[in-house]
């Protein structure tokens, strides 16, 4: 299933993305983030992470570096 998700994102990157001006506020881009999420987390969790990322990519978002998995030395948020 995750291959289907990756295939769909690649289709977007090749067919639609060149027609739209770049506007992603994050690094890696939302489509590259989605591919990484599918590879690391599987189809369902990857799709949820990608959808959440796309919802956060808006003019009111600060953006910046946002990997699928935080670096090992990143501080963890406490509950």
N, C-alpha and C. Protein backbone atom coordinates (compact mmCIF):
# COMPACT_ATOMS: atom_id res chain seq x y z
N UNK A 1 0.81 -1.20 0.00
CA UNK A 1 0.00 0.00 0.00
C UNK A 1 0.86 1.26 0.00
N UNK A 2 1.98 1.24 0.73
CA UNK A 2 2.77 2.46 0.78
C UNK A 2 3.34 2.81 -0.59
N UNK A 3 3.55 1.81 -1.44
CA UNK A 3 4.02 2.09 -2.80
C UNK A 3 2.99 2.87 -3.59
N UNK A 4 1.72 2.60 -3.34
CA UNK A 4 0.65 3.35 -4.00
C UNK A 4 0.70 4.81 -3.57
N UNK A 5 0.87 5.05 -2.28
CA UNK A 5 0.98 6.42 -1.78
C UNK A 5 2.16 7.15 -2.39
N UNK A 6 3.30 6.49 -2.44
CA UNK A 6 4.50 7.10 -3.03
C UNK A 6 4.27 7.37 -4.51
N UNK A 7 3.64 6.43 -5.22
CA UNK A 7 3.35 6.60 -6.64
C UNK A 7 2.46 7.83 -6.86
N UNK A 8 1.43 7.99 -6.04
CA UNK A 8 0.52 9.13 -6.19
C UNK A 8 1.24 10.46 -5.94
N UNK A 9 2.11 10.49 -4.95
CA UNK A 9 2.87 11.72 -4.69
C UNK A 9 3.82 12.01 -5.85
N UNK A 10 4.47 10.98 -6.37
CA UNK A 10 5.37 11.17 -7.52
C UNK A 10 4.60 11.69 -8.73
N UNK A 11 3.39 11.17 -8.96
CA UNK A 11 2.55 11.68 -10.06
C UNK A 11 2.27 13.16 -9.86
N UNK A 12 1.95 13.55 -8.63
CA UNK A 12 1.74 14.97 -8.33
C UNK A 12 3.00 15.77 -8.64
N UNK A 13 4.16 15.28 -8.20
CA UNK A 13 5.41 16.00 -8.41
C UNK A 13 5.72 16.19 -9.89
N UNK A 14 5.42 15.19 -10.71
CA UNK A 14 5.76 15.25 -12.13
C UNK A 14 4.71 16.01 -12.93
N UNK A 15 3.43 15.80 -12.63
CA UNK A 15 2.36 16.35 -13.46
C UNK A 15 1.80 17.69 -12.99
N UNK A 16 1.56 17.83 -11.71
CA UNK A 16 0.90 19.04 -11.20
C UNK A 16 1.85 20.08 -10.62
N UNK A 17 2.83 19.63 -9.89
CA UNK A 17 3.73 20.55 -9.21
C UNK A 17 4.40 21.56 -10.14
N UNK A 18 4.83 21.17 -11.35
CA UNK A 18 5.45 22.15 -12.24
C UNK A 18 4.50 23.28 -12.67
N UNK A 19 3.19 23.06 -12.56
CA UNK A 19 2.21 24.06 -12.97
C UNK A 19 1.88 25.06 -11.85
N UNK A 20 2.30 24.74 -10.64
CA UNK A 20 1.97 25.56 -9.47
C UNK A 20 3.25 26.24 -8.97
N UNK A 21 3.18 27.56 -8.69
CA UNK A 21 4.39 28.20 -8.16
C UNK A 21 4.76 27.62 -6.80
N UNK A 22 6.07 27.50 -6.51
CA UNK A 22 6.49 26.93 -5.22
C UNK A 22 6.03 27.81 -4.06
N UNK A 23 5.42 27.20 -3.06
CA UNK A 23 4.93 27.97 -1.93
C UNK A 23 5.05 27.23 -0.60
N UNK A 24 5.71 26.08 -0.60
CA UNK A 24 5.83 25.31 0.64
C UNK A 24 6.71 26.06 1.63
N UNK A 25 6.25 26.14 2.87
CA UNK A 25 6.97 26.87 3.91
C UNK A 25 7.90 25.97 4.71
N UNK A 26 7.92 24.70 4.38
CA UNK A 26 8.69 23.74 5.16
C UNK A 26 9.84 23.15 4.35
N UNK A 27 10.78 22.59 5.08
CA UNK A 27 11.87 21.82 4.50
C UNK A 27 11.90 20.49 5.22
N UNK A 28 11.82 19.37 4.60
CA UNK A 28 11.63 19.14 3.17
C UNK A 28 10.24 19.57 2.72
N UNK A 29 10.07 19.72 1.41
CA UNK A 29 8.77 20.14 0.89
C UNK A 29 7.70 19.14 1.31
N UNK A 30 6.46 19.56 1.25
CA UNK A 30 5.36 18.70 1.70
C UNK A 30 5.30 17.39 0.91
N UNK A 31 5.56 17.44 -0.39
CA UNK A 31 5.50 16.20 -1.16
C UNK A 31 6.66 15.27 -0.81
N UNK A 32 7.85 15.82 -0.60
CA UNK A 32 8.97 14.98 -0.17
C UNK A 32 8.75 14.45 1.24
N UNK A 33 8.13 15.25 2.09
CA UNK A 33 7.78 14.80 3.44
C UNK A 33 6.81 13.62 3.36
N UNK A 34 5.82 13.72 2.46
CA UNK A 34 4.84 12.64 2.32
C UNK A 34 5.51 11.34 1.89
N UNK A 35 6.43 11.42 0.93
CA UNK A 35 7.15 10.23 0.48
C UNK A 35 7.94 9.62 1.64
N UNK A 36 8.63 10.47 2.38
CA UNK A 36 9.41 9.98 3.52
C UNK A 36 8.50 9.36 4.58
N UNK A 37 7.35 9.98 4.81
CA UNK A 37 6.40 9.45 5.80
C UNK A 37 5.87 8.08 5.37
N UNK A 38 5.55 7.93 4.08
CA UNK A 38 5.09 6.62 3.59
C UNK A 38 6.18 5.57 3.78
N UNK A 39 7.42 5.93 3.47
CA UNK A 39 8.52 4.96 3.58
C UNK A 39 8.79 4.55 5.03
N UNK A 40 8.76 5.52 5.94
CA UNK A 40 9.13 5.24 7.32
C UNK A 40 7.97 4.75 8.18
N UNK A 41 6.76 5.18 7.88
CA UNK A 41 5.62 4.91 8.76
C UNK A 41 4.54 4.02 8.16
N UNK A 42 4.66 3.68 6.87
CA UNK A 42 3.62 2.87 6.23
C UNK A 42 2.53 3.74 5.64
N UNK A 43 1.55 3.09 5.01
CA UNK A 43 0.54 3.84 4.27
C UNK A 43 -0.37 4.68 5.16
N UNK A 44 -1.03 4.06 6.11
CA UNK A 44 -2.03 4.78 6.90
C UNK A 44 -1.41 5.90 7.74
N UNK A 45 -0.41 5.58 8.51
CA UNK A 45 0.24 6.60 9.36
C UNK A 45 0.92 7.66 8.49
N UNK A 46 1.54 7.23 7.37
CA UNK A 46 2.17 8.18 6.45
C UNK A 46 1.16 9.14 5.85
N UNK A 47 -0.01 8.61 5.47
CA UNK A 47 -1.06 9.47 4.89
C UNK A 47 -1.56 10.48 5.92
N UNK A 48 -1.71 10.04 7.17
CA UNK A 48 -2.16 10.96 8.22
C UNK A 48 -1.12 12.04 8.49
N UNK A 49 0.15 11.65 8.56
CA UNK A 49 1.21 12.63 8.77
C UNK A 49 1.29 13.62 7.61
N UNK A 50 1.17 13.12 6.38
CA UNK A 50 1.22 14.00 5.21
C UNK A 50 0.04 14.96 5.20
N UNK A 51 -1.16 14.47 5.52
CA UNK A 51 -2.34 15.34 5.56
C UNK A 51 -2.18 16.42 6.62
N UNK A 52 -1.68 16.06 7.80
CA UNK A 52 -1.47 17.04 8.87
C UNK A 52 -0.45 18.08 8.44
N UNK A 53 0.60 17.64 7.76
CA UNK A 53 1.63 18.56 7.28
C UNK A 53 1.04 19.54 6.26
N UNK A 54 0.25 19.04 5.33
CA UNK A 54 -0.36 19.91 4.31
C UNK A 54 -1.30 20.92 4.96
N UNK A 55 -2.03 20.50 5.97
CA UNK A 55 -2.91 21.44 6.68
C UNK A 55 -2.12 22.54 7.39
N UNK A 56 -0.92 22.20 7.87
CA UNK A 56 -0.09 23.19 8.56
C UNK A 56 0.65 24.12 7.60
N UNK A 57 0.73 23.78 6.33
CA UNK A 57 1.46 24.58 5.35
C UNK A 57 0.53 25.66 4.82
N UNK A 58 0.52 26.79 5.50
CA UNK A 58 -0.36 27.90 5.13
C UNK A 58 0.34 29.22 5.44
N UNK A 59 -0.22 30.34 4.98
CA UNK A 59 0.44 31.63 5.18
C UNK A 59 0.65 32.02 6.64
N UNK A 60 -0.11 31.44 7.56
CA UNK A 60 0.03 31.80 8.98
C UNK A 60 1.01 30.90 9.71
N UNK A 61 1.56 29.93 9.02
CA UNK A 61 2.51 29.01 9.62
C UNK A 61 3.92 29.57 9.55
N UNK A 62 4.68 29.31 10.59
CA UNK A 62 6.08 29.75 10.62
C UNK A 62 6.93 28.96 9.63
N UNK A 63 6.61 27.69 9.44
CA UNK A 63 7.38 26.85 8.53
C UNK A 63 8.71 26.47 9.13
N UNK A 64 9.69 26.19 8.27
CA UNK A 64 11.02 25.82 8.72
C UNK A 64 11.29 24.34 8.54
N UNK A 65 12.35 23.87 9.20
CA UNK A 65 12.75 22.47 9.09
C UNK A 65 11.81 21.60 9.91
N UNK A 66 11.20 20.62 9.26
CA UNK A 66 10.21 19.76 9.92
C UNK A 66 10.31 18.35 9.35
N UNK A 67 11.24 17.53 9.86
CA UNK A 67 11.39 16.17 9.35
C UNK A 67 10.28 15.24 9.85
N UNK A 68 10.13 14.10 9.21
CA UNK A 68 9.15 13.10 9.65
C UNK A 68 9.49 12.65 11.06
N UNK A 69 10.74 12.36 11.29
CA UNK A 69 11.20 11.98 12.62
C UNK A 69 12.20 13.02 13.10
N UNK A 70 12.00 13.59 14.29
CA UNK A 70 12.94 14.61 14.77
C UNK A 70 14.33 14.02 14.95
N UNK A 71 15.35 14.86 14.83
CA UNK A 71 16.72 14.38 15.06
C UNK A 71 16.87 13.80 16.46
N UNK A 72 17.78 12.84 16.64
CA UNK A 72 17.92 12.19 17.95
C UNK A 72 18.29 13.14 19.08
N UNK A 73 18.96 14.25 18.77
CA UNK A 73 19.37 15.18 19.82
C UNK A 73 18.33 16.27 20.09
N UNK A 74 17.18 16.21 19.43
CA UNK A 74 16.14 17.23 19.63
C UNK A 74 15.47 17.01 20.99
N UNK A 75 15.19 18.11 21.70
CA UNK A 75 14.51 17.97 22.99
C UNK A 75 13.08 17.46 22.78
N UNK A 76 12.63 16.57 23.67
CA UNK A 76 11.28 16.03 23.58
C UNK A 76 10.33 16.89 24.39
N UNK A 77 9.10 17.01 23.88
CA UNK A 77 8.08 17.75 24.61
C UNK A 77 7.54 16.87 25.72
N UNK A 78 7.41 17.42 26.90
CA UNK A 78 6.85 16.64 28.00
C UNK A 78 5.34 16.86 28.07
N UNK A 79 4.63 15.88 28.59
CA UNK A 79 3.17 15.95 28.63
C UNK A 79 2.68 16.78 29.78
